[in-house]
Amino acid sequence: MTLIQKAEVDNQTVITKFILLGFGDLPQLQTLLFLLFLVIYIASMAGNILIIALVVADQHLHTPMYFFLGNLSCMETWYSSTILPRMLASLLTGDRYISVCGCVMQFYCFGFLACTECYLLAAMSCDRYLAICKPLHYAALMNGRTWVLAAGSWLWAFVASTITVYLMSQLTFCGPSEIDLFFCDLNPLIKHSCHDTNLITLLSFIVTSIGVPFPFLLTVASYSFIITTILRIPSTTRKKKAFSTCSSHLMVVTIFYGTIITVCILPDTDTLRDLNKVFSVFYTVLTPLVNPLIYSLRNKEVKLALRKIIH
């Protein structure tokens, strides 16, 4: 069977498979990378499933903050499974080919879950803002709104991703078939299109402008108010206690957005492409691992719930 089935359409070569180059330029490290990413995948799945189990099982964690954390961990299990199994198979077998349909579906799942994470992190930051800056009104303001915020995060991400991928599914892709990444992303797919992509480029710009900057700015604004409020607290002990309630979430937000922004601002040049790939590993592979570690190691309530389960 040929790896690339060819047909002449408008004097261009249509491709049915892409080659995800990934880390193929490091043949001597394939086994080491496979073992490393396998450990990361297993640890990510175990950590996030443990967080979900703790949030469901422990009555003390039935609060808005931990409800959002359970949603985040559920999302991270799918997020890891969207990219890592395919990458592990490629490292183990050397087969870097992926069908056009499979590539589009991988991007769909990746885009949907990444957008969901942006909004869940924003919802968690709003929850911390109300808990610290409006403590007397926190219960009344969050009552009944927790499910709305969580469902809205999933629903908006689903609608935005579905519209984008529907337009992408109408495209025909032309050679060359190489994608210099370890997963299927929007820009490489658009670059391989045989036809005019102005509509999908405009739509993706609008969706991205709403899907990333809005929750990011909302998160920044929430933490600006939170930090200002904490600095006004006269007692050092109360300052530490207030900051401890949001420090884990702040670390997760910093890692997630820090790597995404770095990838976005790096120019797409041959010299920086490897650096871009490294930062992509952070927000696609390491973030699902870091989240449960940060929340389990730095959060007293999670550690207490874990001790109860162990005992």
C-alpha atoms as a PDB file:
ATOM      1  CA  MET A   1       0.000   0.000   0.000  1.00  0.00           C
ATOM      2  CA  THR A   2       1.367   3.405  -0.916  1.00  0.00           C
ATOM      3  CA  LEU A   3       1.898   5.904   1.865  1.00  0.00           C
ATOM      4  CA  ILE A   4       0.597   8.834  -0.173  1.00  0.00           C
ATOM      5  CA  GLN A   5      -2.250   8.312  -2.588  1.00  0.00           C
ATOM      6  CA  LYS A   6      -2.059  10.843  -5.363  1.00  0.00           C
ATOM      7  CA  ALA A   7      -4.628  12.426  -7.592  1.00  0.00           C
ATOM      8  CA  GLU A   8      -4.346  15.404  -9.841  1.00  0.00           C
ATOM      9  CA  VAL A   9      -6.865  18.092  -8.949  1.00  0.00           C
ATOM     10  CA  ASP A  10      -6.354  21.550 -10.446  1.00  0.00           C
ATOM     11  CA  ASN A  11      -2.772  20.586 -11.253  1.00  0.00           C
ATOM     12  CA  GLN A  12      -1.977  19.965  -7.577  1.00  0.00           C
ATOM     13  CA  THR A  13      -1.106  16.744  -5.749  1.00  0.00           C
ATOM     14  CA  VAL A  14      -3.760  15.816  -3.196  1.00  0.00           C
ATOM     15  CA  ILE A  15      -2.502  13.967  -0.107  1.00  0.00           C
ATOM     16  CA  THR A  16      -4.433  11.593   2.127  1.00  0.00           C
ATOM     17  CA  LYS A  17      -1.792  11.215   4.846  1.00  0.00           C
ATOM     18  CA  PHE A  18       0.447  13.526   6.814  1.00  0.00           C
ATOM     19  CA  ILE A  19       3.866  12.787   8.281  1.00  0.00           C
ATOM     20  CA  LEU A  20       4.211  14.044  11.855  1.00  0.00           C
ATOM     21  CA  LEU A  21       7.963  14.570  12.034  1.00  0.00           C
ATOM     22  CA  GLY A  22       7.879  15.044  15.809  1.00  0.00           C
ATOM     23  CA  PHE A  23      11.214  14.034  17.301  1.00  0.00           C
ATOM     24  CA  GLY A  24      12.282  11.972  14.291  1.00  0.00           C
ATOM     25  CA  ASP A  25      15.462  14.042  13.964  1.00  0.00           C
ATOM     26  CA  LEU A  26      16.706  12.433  17.221  1.00  0.00           C
ATOM     27  CA  PRO A  27      16.905   8.736  16.272  1.00  0.00           C
ATOM     28  CA  GLN A  28      19.355   7.911  19.059  1.00  0.00           C
ATOM     29  CA  LEU A  29      16.882   9.174  21.700  1.00  0.00           C
ATOM     30  CA  GLN A  30      13.719   7.412  20.500  1.00  0.00           C
ATOM     31  CA  THR A  31      13.766   4.719  23.222  1.00  0.00           C
ATOM     32  CA  LEU A  32      14.575   7.224  25.966  1.00  0.00           C
ATOM     33  CA  LEU A  33      11.842   9.604  24.790  1.00  0.00           C
ATOM     34  CA  PHE A  34       9.352   6.728  24.600  1.00  0.00           C
ATOM     35  CA  LEU A  35      10.052   5.715  28.216  1.00  0.00           C
ATOM     36  CA  LEU A  36       9.965   9.336  29.391  1.00  0.00           C
ATOM     37  CA  PHE A  37       6.635  10.133  27.747  1.00  0.00           C
ATOM     38  CA  LEU A  38       5.182   6.771  28.825  1.00  0.00           C
ATOM     39  CA  VAL A  39       5.959   7.573  32.469  1.00  0.00           C
ATOM     40  CA  ILE A  40       4.488  11.067  32.031  1.00  0.00           C
ATOM     41  CA  TYR A  41       1.305   9.637  30.475  1.00  0.00           C
ATOM     42  CA  ILE A  42       0.803   7.041  33.203  1.00  0.00           C
ATOM     43  CA  ALA A  43       1.508   9.605  35.949  1.00  0.00           C
ATOM     44  CA  SER A  44      -0.834  12.160  34.334  1.00  0.00           C
ATOM     45  CA  MET A  45      -3.701   9.683  34.056  1.00  0.00           C
ATOM     46  CA  ALA A  46      -3.198   8.327  37.588  1.00  0.00           C
ATOM     47  CA  GLY A  47      -2.880  11.798  39.141  1.00  0.00           C
ATOM     48  CA  ASN A  48      -5.942  13.266  37.438  1.00  0.00           C
ATOM     49  CA  ILE A  49      -8.110  10.200  38.075  1.00  0.00           C
ATOM     50  CA  LEU A  50      -7.054  10.357  41.738  1.00  0.00           C
ATOM     51  CA  ILE A  51      -8.095  14.026  41.940  1.00  0.00           C
ATOM     52  CA  ILE A  52     -11.498  13.174  40.413  1.00  0.00           C
ATOM     53  CA  ALA A  53     -11.973  10.298  42.879  1.00  0.00           C
ATOM     54  CA  LEU A  54     -11.079  12.509  45.862  1.00  0.00           C
ATOM     55  CA  VAL A  55     -13.424  15.300  44.782  1.00  0.00           C
ATOM     56  CA  VAL A  56     -16.287  12.828  44.345  1.00  0.00           C
ATOM     57  CA  ALA A  57     -15.627  10.791  47.500  1.00  0.00           C
ATOM     58  CA  ASP A  58     -14.801  13.461  50.106  1.00  0.00           C
ATOM     59  CA  GLN A  59     -17.706  15.615  51.316  1.00  0.00           C
ATOM     60  CA  HIS A  60     -15.306  18.379  52.384  1.00  0.00           C
ATOM     61  CA  LEU A  61     -14.304  18.846  48.733  1.00  0.00           C
ATOM     62  CA  HIS A  62     -17.879  19.397  47.543  1.00  0.00           C
ATOM     63  CA  THR A  63     -17.281  23.120  47.030  1.00  0.00           C
ATOM     64  CA  PRO A  64     -17.238  25.243  43.848  1.00  0.00           C
ATOM     65  CA  MET A  65     -13.419  25.375  43.715  1.00  0.00           C
ATOM     66  CA  TYR A  66     -13.050  21.594  43.849  1.00  0.00           C
ATOM     67  CA  PHE A  67     -15.970  21.071  41.494  1.00  0.00           C
ATOM     68  CA  PHE A  68     -14.030  23.115  38.925  1.00  0.00           C
ATOM     69  CA  LEU A  69     -10.879  21.171  39.819  1.00  0.00           C
ATOM     70  CA  GLY A  70     -12.706  17.899  39.156  1.00  0.00           C
ATOM     71  CA  ASN A  71     -13.807  19.218  35.765  1.00  0.00           C
ATOM     72  CA  LEU A  72     -10.243  20.311  35.033  1.00  0.00           C
ATOM     73  CA  SER A  73      -8.834  16.888  35.938  1.00  0.00           C
ATOM     74  CA  CYS A  74     -11.490  15.144  33.836  1.00  0.00           C
ATOM     75  CA  MET A  75     -10.547  17.363  30.910  1.00  0.00           C
ATOM     76  CA  GLU A  76      -6.824  16.667  31.440  1.00  0.00           C
ATOM     77  CA  THR A  77      -7.318  12.891  31.191  1.00  0.00           C
ATOM     78  CA  TRP A  78      -8.866  13.342  27.735  1.00  0.00           C
ATOM     79  CA  TYR A  79      -6.295  15.988  26.823  1.00  0.00           C
ATOM     80  CA  SER A  80      -3.407  13.589  27.532  1.00  0.00           C
ATOM     81  CA  SER A  81      -5.102  10.772  25.638  1.00  0.00           C
ATOM     82  CA  THR A  82      -5.573  12.962  22.560  1.00  0.00           C
ATOM     83  CA  ILE A  83      -1.848  13.432  21.921  1.00  0.00           C
ATOM     84  CA  LEU A  84       0.336  11.077  23.959  1.00  0.00           C
ATOM     85  CA  PRO A  85      -0.820   7.606  22.760  1.00  0.00           C
ATOM     86  CA  ARG A  86      -0.224   8.604  19.124  1.00  0.00           C
ATOM     87  CA  MET A  87       3.175  10.054  20.030  1.00  0.00           C
ATOM     88  CA  LEU A  88       4.148   6.930  21.982  1.00  0.00           C
ATOM     89  CA  ALA A  89       3.194   4.681  19.065  1.00  0.00           C
ATOM     90  CA  SER A  90       5.293   6.815  16.732  1.00  0.00           C
ATOM     91  CA  LEU A  91       8.335   6.665  19.040  1.00  0.00           C
ATOM     92  CA  LEU A  92       7.977   2.902  19.509  1.00  0.00           C
ATOM     93  CA  THR A  93       7.330   1.832  15.919  1.00  0.00           C
ATOM     94  CA  GLY A  94       8.785   4.715  13.920  1.00  0.00           C
ATOM     95  CA  ASP A  95       5.491   5.051  12.033  1.00  0.00           C
ATOM     96  CA  ARG A  96       4.875   8.808  11.802  1.00  0.00           C
ATOM     97  CA  TYR A  97       2.033   8.695   9.278  1.00  0.00           C
ATOM     98  CA  ILE A  98      -1.471   9.851  10.181  1.00  0.00           C
ATOM     99  CA  SER A  99      -4.475  10.061   7.876  1.00  0.00           C
ATOM    100  CA  VAL A 100      -5.927  13.453   7.001  1.00  0.00           C
ATOM    101  CA  CYS A 101      -9.157  12.485   8.757  1.00  0.00           C
ATOM    102  CA  GLY A 102      -7.247  11.335  11.843  1.00  0.00           C
ATOM    103  CA  CYS A 103      -5.206  14.538  11.852  1.00  0.00           C
ATOM    104  CA  VAL A 104      -8.311  16.746  11.664  1.00  0.00           C
ATOM    105  CA  MET A 105      -9.979  14.752  14.454  1.00  0.00           C
ATOM    106  CA  GLN A 106      -6.889  15.045  16.648  1.00  0.00           C
ATOM    107  CA  PHE A 107      -6.875  18.806  16.138  1.00  0.00           C
ATOM    108  CA  TYR A 108     -10.603  18.907  16.923  1.00  0.00           C
ATOM    109  CA  CYS A 109     -10.142  17.131  20.252  1.00  0.00           C
ATOM    110  CA  PHE A 110      -7.020  19.130  21.089  1.00  0.00           C
ATOM    111  CA  GLY A 111      -8.653  22.489  20.250  1.00  0.00           C
ATOM    112  CA  PHE A 112     -11.873  21.640  22.089  1.00  0.00           C
ATOM    113  CA  LEU A 113     -10.076  20.590  25.275  1.00  0.00           C
ATOM    114  CA  ALA A 114      -7.530  23.443  25.218  1.00  0.00           C
ATOM    115  CA  CYS A 115     -10.345  26.001  24.861  1.00  0.00           C
ATOM    116  CA  THR A 116     -12.250  24.301  27.687  1.00  0.00           C
ATOM    117  CA  GLU A 117      -9.183  24.549  29.921  1.00  0.00           C
ATOM    118  CA  CYS A 118      -8.901  28.299  29.277  1.00  0.00           C
ATOM    119  CA  TYR A 119     -12.467  28.858  30.433  1.00  0.00           C
ATOM    120  CA  LEU A 120     -12.267  26.475  33.391  1.00  0.00           C
ATOM    121  CA  LEU A 121      -9.144  28.267  34.639  1.00  0.00           C
ATOM    122  CA  ALA A 122     -10.972  31.585  34.240  1.00  0.00           C
ATOM    123  CA  ALA A 123     -13.978  30.241  36.180  1.00  0.00           C
ATOM    124  CA  MET A 124     -11.657  29.052  38.953  1.00  0.00           C
ATOM    125  CA  SER A 125      -9.995  32.478  39.124  1.00  0.00           C
ATOM    126  CA  CYS A 126     -13.422  34.160  39.406  1.00  0.00           C
ATOM    127  CA  ASP A 127     -14.285  31.734  42.207  1.00  0.00           C
ATOM    128  CA  ARG A 128     -11.083  32.684  44.076  1.00  0.00           C
ATOM    129  CA  TYR A 129     -11.806  36.384  43.489  1.00  0.00           C
ATOM    130  CA  LEU A 130     -15.237  36.088  45.097  1.00  0.00           C
ATOM    131  CA  ALA A 131     -13.916  33.949  47.970  1.00  0.00           C
ATOM    132  CA  ILE A 132     -11.139  36.421  48.851  1.00  0.00           C
ATOM    133  CA  CYS A 133     -12.513  39.811  47.770  1.00  0.00           C
ATOM    134  CA  LYS A 134     -16.235  39.233  48.480  1.00  0.00           C
ATOM    135  CA  PRO A 135     -16.232  36.620  51.287  1.00  0.00           C
ATOM    136  CA  LEU A 136     -19.566  37.729  52.825  1.00  0.00           C
ATOM    137  CA  HIS A 137     -21.366  37.415  49.496  1.00  0.00           C
ATOM    138  CA  TYR A 138     -19.450  34.368  48.207  1.00  0.00           C
ATOM    139  CA  ALA A 139     -22.065  31.725  49.042  1.00  0.00           C
ATOM    140  CA  ALA A 140     -24.942  33.759  47.594  1.00  0.00           C
ATOM    141  CA  LEU A 141     -23.049  34.703  44.416  1.00  0.00           C
ATOM    142  CA  MET A 142     -21.811  31.173  43.671  1.00  0.00           C
ATOM    143  CA  ASN A 143     -25.028  29.386  44.615  1.00  0.00           C
ATOM    144  CA  GLY A 144     -26.392  27.779  41.470  1.00  0.00           C
ATOM    145  CA  ARG A 145     -23.774  29.392  39.235  1.00  0.00           C
ATOM    146  CA  THR A 146     -21.098  26.716  39.559  1.00  0.00           C
ATOM    147  CA  TRP A 147     -22.792  24.315  37.155  1.00  0.00           C
ATOM    148  CA  VAL A 148     -23.581  27.163  34.751  1.00  0.00           C
ATOM    149  CA  LEU A 149     -19.927  28.278  34.580  1.00  0.00           C
ATOM    150  CA  ALA A 150     -18.634  24.730  34.127  1.00  0.00           C
ATOM    151  CA  ALA A 151     -21.256  23.778  31.525  1.00  0.00           C
ATOM    152  CA  GLY A 152     -20.685  27.077  29.711  1.00  0.00           C
ATOM    153  CA  SER A 153     -16.948  26.351  29.491  1.00  0.00           C
ATOM    154  CA  TRP A 154     -17.541  22.965  27.869  1.00  0.00           C
ATOM    155  CA  LEU A 155     -20.363  24.184  25.616  1.00  0.00           C
ATOM    156  CA  TRP A 156     -18.586  27.235  24.195  1.00  0.00           C
ATOM    157  CA  ALA A 157     -15.439  25.215  23.494  1.00  0.00           C
ATOM    158  CA  PHE A 158     -17.511  22.519  21.777  1.00  0.00           C
ATOM    159  CA  VAL A 159     -19.380  24.995  19.538  1.00  0.00           C
ATOM    160  CA  ALA A 160     -16.264  26.979  18.582  1.00  0.00           C
ATOM    161  CA  SER A 161     -14.220  23.852  17.799  1.00  0.00           C
ATOM    162  CA  THR A 162     -17.035  22.183  15.869  1.00  0.00           C
ATOM    163  CA  ILE A 163     -17.559  25.183  13.570  1.00  0.00           C
ATOM    164  CA  THR A 164     -13.824  25.471  12.876  1.00  0.00           C
ATOM    165  CA  VAL A 165     -13.371  21.764  12.172  1.00  0.00           C
ATOM    166  CA  TYR A 166     -16.484  21.646   9.982  1.00  0.00           C
ATOM    167  CA  LEU A 167     -14.969  24.275   7.689  1.00  0.00           C
ATOM    168  CA  MET A 168     -11.627  22.474   7.818  1.00  0.00           C
ATOM    169  CA  SER A 169     -13.267  19.197   6.778  1.00  0.00           C
ATOM    170  CA  GLN A 170     -14.311  20.862   3.508  1.00  0.00           C
ATOM    171  CA  LEU A 171     -10.677  21.543   2.577  1.00  0.00           C
ATOM    172  CA  THR A 172      -8.452  19.470   0.331  1.00  0.00           C
ATOM    173  CA  PHE A 173      -4.810  19.165   1.354  1.00  0.00           C
ATOM    174  CA  CYS A 174      -1.800  19.239  -0.954  1.00  0.00           C
ATOM    175  CA  GLY A 175       1.840  18.290  -0.585  1.00  0.00           C
ATOM    176  CA  PRO A 176       4.383  18.369   0.862  1.00  0.00           C
ATOM    177  CA  SER A 177       2.888  16.160   3.539  1.00  0.00           C
ATOM    178  CA  GLU A 178       5.332  16.814   6.410  1.00  0.00           C
ATOM    179  CA  ILE A 179       4.195  18.566   9.612  1.00  0.00           C
ATOM    180  CA  ASP A 180       7.137  19.501  11.826  1.00  0.00           C
ATOM    181  CA  LEU A 181       5.279  18.822  15.080  1.00  0.00           C
ATOM    182  CA  PHE A 182       4.289  15.802  17.152  1.00  0.00           C
ATOM    183  CA  PHE A 183       0.562  16.584  16.889  1.00  0.00           C
ATOM    184  CA  CYS A 184      -1.841  18.170  14.409  1.00  0.00           C
ATOM    185  CA  ASP A 185      -2.308  21.912  14.932  1.00  0.00           C
ATOM    186  CA  LEU A 186      -4.336  24.533  13.051  1.00  0.00           C
ATOM    187  CA  ASN A 187      -1.628  26.525  11.268  1.00  0.00           C
ATOM    188  CA  PRO A 188       0.184  23.532   9.676  1.00  0.00           C
ATOM    189  CA  LEU A 189      -3.141  22.170   8.408  1.00  0.00           C
ATOM    190  CA  ILE A 190      -4.146  25.511   6.872  1.00  0.00           C
ATOM    191  CA  LYS A 191      -0.736  25.823   5.196  1.00  0.00           C
ATOM    192  CA  HIS A 192      -1.281  22.460   3.492  1.00  0.00           C
ATOM    193  CA  SER A 193      -4.679  23.408   2.036  1.00  0.00           C
ATOM    194  CA  CYS A 194      -5.022  23.415  -1.764  1.00  0.00           C
ATOM    195  CA  HIS A 195      -7.776  26.029  -1.750  1.00  0.00           C
ATOM    196  CA  ASP A 196      -8.450  29.502  -0.433  1.00  0.00           C
ATOM    197  CA  THR A 197      -8.422  29.534   3.375  1.00  0.00           C
ATOM    198  CA  ASN A 198      -9.415  33.154   4.028  1.00  0.00           C
ATOM    199  CA  LEU A 199     -12.769  32.175   5.574  1.00  0.00           C
ATOM    200  CA  ILE A 200     -11.392  29.567   7.955  1.00  0.00           C
ATOM    201  CA  THR A 201      -8.421  31.818   8.811  1.00  0.00           C
ATOM    202  CA  LEU A 202     -10.798  34.674   9.673  1.00  0.00           C
ATOM    203  CA  LEU A 203     -13.084  32.373  11.653  1.00  0.00           C
ATOM    204  CA  SER A 204     -10.194  30.795  13.571  1.00  0.00           C
ATOM    205  CA  PHE A 205      -8.862  34.286  14.361  1.00  0.00           C
ATOM    206  CA  ILE A 206     -12.264  35.331  15.744  1.00  0.00           C
ATOM    207  CA  VAL A 207     -12.679  32.107  17.728  1.00  0.00           C
ATOM    208  CA  THR A 208      -9.117  32.298  19.067  1.00  0.00           C
ATOM    209  CA  SER A 209      -9.560  35.971  19.964  1.00  0.00           C
ATOM    210  CA  ILE A 210     -12.626  35.082  22.014  1.00  0.00           C
ATOM    211  CA  GLY A 211     -11.425  31.699  23.231  1.00  0.00           C
ATOM    212  CA  VAL A 212      -7.979  32.658  24.592  1.00  0.00           C
ATOM    213  CA  PRO A 213      -7.564  36.418  25.282  1.00  0.00           C
ATOM    214  CA  PHE A 214     -10.978  36.815  26.972  1.00  0.00           C
ATOM    215  CA  PRO A 215     -10.518  34.133  29.667  1.00  0.00           C
ATOM    216  CA  PHE A 216      -6.833  35.133  29.999  1.00  0.00           C
ATOM    217  CA  LEU A 217      -7.721  38.797  30.624  1.00  0.00           C
ATOM    218  CA  LEU A 218     -10.495  37.719  32.986  1.00  0.00           C
ATOM    219  CA  THR A 219      -7.979  35.611  34.912  1.00  0.00           C
ATOM    220  CA  VAL A 220      -5.432  38.463  35.029  1.00  0.00           C
ATOM    221  CA  ALA A 221      -8.098  40.917  36.218  1.00  0.00           C
ATOM    222  CA  SER A 222      -9.270  38.505  38.935  1.00  0.00           C
ATOM    223  CA  TYR A 223      -5.764  38.005  40.277  1.00  0.00           C
ATOM    224  CA  SER A 224      -5.051  41.739  40.138  1.00  0.00           C
ATOM    225  CA  PHE A 225      -7.966  42.296  42.512  1.00  0.00           C
ATOM    226  CA  ILE A 226      -6.987  39.265  44.605  1.00  0.00           C
ATOM    227  CA  ILE A 227      -3.384  40.423  45.074  1.00  0.00           C
ATOM    228  CA  THR A 228      -4.517  43.984  45.846  1.00  0.00           C
ATOM    229  CA  THR A 229      -6.940  42.674  48.473  1.00  0.00           C
ATOM    230  CA  ILE A 230      -4.361  40.380  50.061  1.00  0.00           C
ATOM    231  CA  LEU A 231      -1.799  43.200  50.316  1.00  0.00           C
ATOM    232  CA  ARG A 232      -4.319  45.287  52.230  1.00  0.00           C
ATOM    233  CA  ILE A 233      -4.777  42.616  54.921  1.00  0.00           C
ATOM    234  CA  PRO A 234      -2.912  43.859  58.032  1.00  0.00           C
ATOM    235  CA  SER A 235      -2.195  40.439  59.548  1.00  0.00           C
ATOM    236  CA  THR A 236       0.704  38.466  58.070  1.00  0.00           C
ATOM    237  CA  THR A 237      -0.939  35.188  59.098  1.00  0.00           C
ATOM    238  CA  ARG A 238      -4.183  36.107  57.345  1.00  0.00           C
ATOM    239  CA  LYS A 239      -2.224  37.179  54.251  1.00  0.00           C
ATOM    240  CA  LYS A 240      -0.544  33.775  54.048  1.00  0.00           C
ATOM    241  CA  LYS A 241      -3.835  31.972  54.602  1.00  0.00           C
ATOM    242  CA  ALA A 242      -5.582  34.006  51.886  1.00  0.00           C
ATOM    243  CA  PHE A 243      -2.748  33.505  49.405  1.00  0.00           C
ATOM    244  CA  SER A 244      -2.558  29.768  50.126  1.00  0.00           C
ATOM    245  CA  THR A 245      -6.149  29.350  48.894  1.00  0.00           C
ATOM    246  CA  CYS A 246      -5.207  30.505  45.387  1.00  0.00           C
ATOM    247  CA  SER A 247      -1.455  29.806  45.091  1.00  0.00           C
ATOM    248  CA  SER A 248      -1.927  26.365  43.470  1.00  0.00           C
ATOM    249  CA  HIS A 249      -4.302  27.733  40.856  1.00  0.00           C
ATOM    250  CA  LEU A 250      -2.010  30.698  40.176  1.00  0.00           C
ATOM    251  CA  MET A 251       0.913  28.344  39.493  1.00  0.00           C
ATOM    252  CA  VAL A 252      -1.166  26.258  37.064  1.00  0.00           C
ATOM    253  CA  VAL A 253      -2.365  29.396  35.241  1.00  0.00           C
ATOM    254  CA  THR A 254       1.202  30.744  34.979  1.00  0.00           C
ATOM    255  CA  ILE A 255       2.579  27.515  33.499  1.00  0.00           C
ATOM    256  CA  PHE A 256      -0.307  27.026  31.048  1.00  0.00           C
ATOM    257  CA  TYR A 257      -0.545  30.568  29.691  1.00  0.00           C
ATOM    258  CA  GLY A 258       3.191  31.213  29.942  1.00  0.00           C
ATOM    259  CA  THR A 259       4.029  28.395  27.525  1.00  0.00           C
ATOM    260  CA  ILE A 260       1.118  29.151  25.153  1.00  0.00           C
ATOM    261  CA  ILE A 261       2.042  32.839  24.914  1.00  0.00           C
ATOM    262  CA  THR A 262       5.693  31.933  24.325  1.00  0.00           C
ATOM    263  CA  VAL A 263       4.734  29.616  21.447  1.00  0.00           C
ATOM    264  CA  CYS A 264       2.460  32.294  19.945  1.00  0.00           C
ATOM    265  CA  ILE A 265       5.073  35.066  19.998  1.00  0.00           C
ATOM    266  CA  LEU A 266       7.974  32.950  18.732  1.00  0.00           C
ATOM    267  CA  PRO A 267       8.477  33.573  14.999  1.00  0.00           C
ATOM    268  CA  ASP A 268       8.014  30.532  12.764  1.00  0.00           C
ATOM    269  CA  THR A 269      11.600  30.204  11.565  1.00  0.00           C
ATOM    270  CA  ASP A 270      13.816  27.176  11.057  1.00  0.00           C
ATOM    271  CA  THR A 271      16.160  28.243  13.870  1.00  0.00           C
ATOM    272  CA  LEU A 272      13.344  28.594  16.435  1.00  0.00           C
ATOM    273  CA  ARG A 273      11.211  25.651  15.295  1.00  0.00           C
ATOM    274  CA  ASP A 274      12.863  23.219  17.719  1.00  0.00           C
ATOM    275  CA  LEU A 275      12.367  25.691  20.586  1.00  0.00           C
ATOM    276  CA  ASN A 276       8.738  26.028  19.576  1.00  0.00           C
ATOM    277  CA  LYS A 277       8.417  22.252  19.715  1.00  0.00           C
ATOM    278  CA  VAL A 278       9.898  22.151  23.229  1.00  0.00           C
ATOM    279  CA  PHE A 279       7.436  24.748  24.533  1.00  0.00           C
ATOM    280  CA  SER A 280       4.601  22.852  22.838  1.00  0.00           C
ATOM    281  CA  VAL A 281       5.566  19.841  24.963  1.00  0.00           C
ATOM    282  CA  PHE A 282       4.995  21.954  28.074  1.00  0.00           C
ATOM    283  CA  TYR A 283       1.376  22.903  27.412  1.00  0.00           C
ATOM    284  CA  THR A 284       0.314  19.672  25.684  1.00  0.00           C
ATOM    285  CA  VAL A 285       2.183  17.001  27.658  1.00  0.00           C
ATOM    286  CA  LEU A 286       3.500  18.409  30.944  1.00  0.00           C
ATOM    287  CA  THR A 287       0.521  20.560  31.974  1.00  0.00           C
ATOM    288  CA  PRO A 288      -1.775  17.534  32.549  1.00  0.00           C
ATOM    289  CA  LEU A 289       0.986  16.065  34.753  1.00  0.00           C
ATOM    290  CA  VAL A 290       1.783  19.271  36.643  1.00  0.00           C
ATOM    291  CA  ASN A 291      -1.825  20.116  37.555  1.00  0.00           C
ATOM    292  CA  PRO A 292      -2.528  17.153  39.876  1.00  0.00           C
ATOM    293  CA  LEU A 293       0.988  17.381  41.331  1.00  0.00           C
ATOM    294  CA  ILE A 294       0.563  21.048  42.254  1.00  0.00           C
ATOM    295  CA  TYR A 295      -2.912  20.584  43.694  1.00  0.00           C
ATOM    296  CA  SER A 296      -2.017  17.428  45.625  1.00  0.00           C
ATOM    297  CA  LEU A 297       1.338  18.620  47.006  1.00  0.00           C
ATOM    298  CA  ARG A 298       0.414  22.244  47.814  1.00  0.00           C
ATOM    299  CA  ASN A 299      -3.224  21.905  48.850  1.00  0.00           C
ATOM    300  CA  LYS A 300      -3.916  20.952  52.464  1.00  0.00           C
ATOM    301  CA  GLU A 301      -7.525  19.909  51.870  1.00  0.00           C
ATOM    302  CA  VAL A 302      -6.561  17.581  49.012  1.00  0.00           C
ATOM    303  CA  LYS A 303      -3.746  16.057  51.095  1.00  0.00           C
ATOM    304  CA  LEU A 304      -6.149  15.563  54.013  1.00  0.00           C
ATOM    305  CA  ALA A 305      -8.685  13.851  51.748  1.00  0.00           C
ATOM    306  CA  LEU A 306      -5.917  11.620  50.374  1.00  0.00           C
ATOM    307  CA  ARG A 307      -4.857  10.613  53.894  1.00  0.00           C
ATOM    308  CA  LYS A 308      -8.457   9.675  54.713  1.00  0.00           C
ATOM    309  CA  ILE A 309      -8.677   7.480  51.622  1.00  0.00           C
ATOM    310  CA  ILE A 310      -5.332   5.792  52.431  1.00  0.00           C
ATOM    311  CA  HIS A 311      -6.264   5.156  56.083  1.00  0.00           C
END
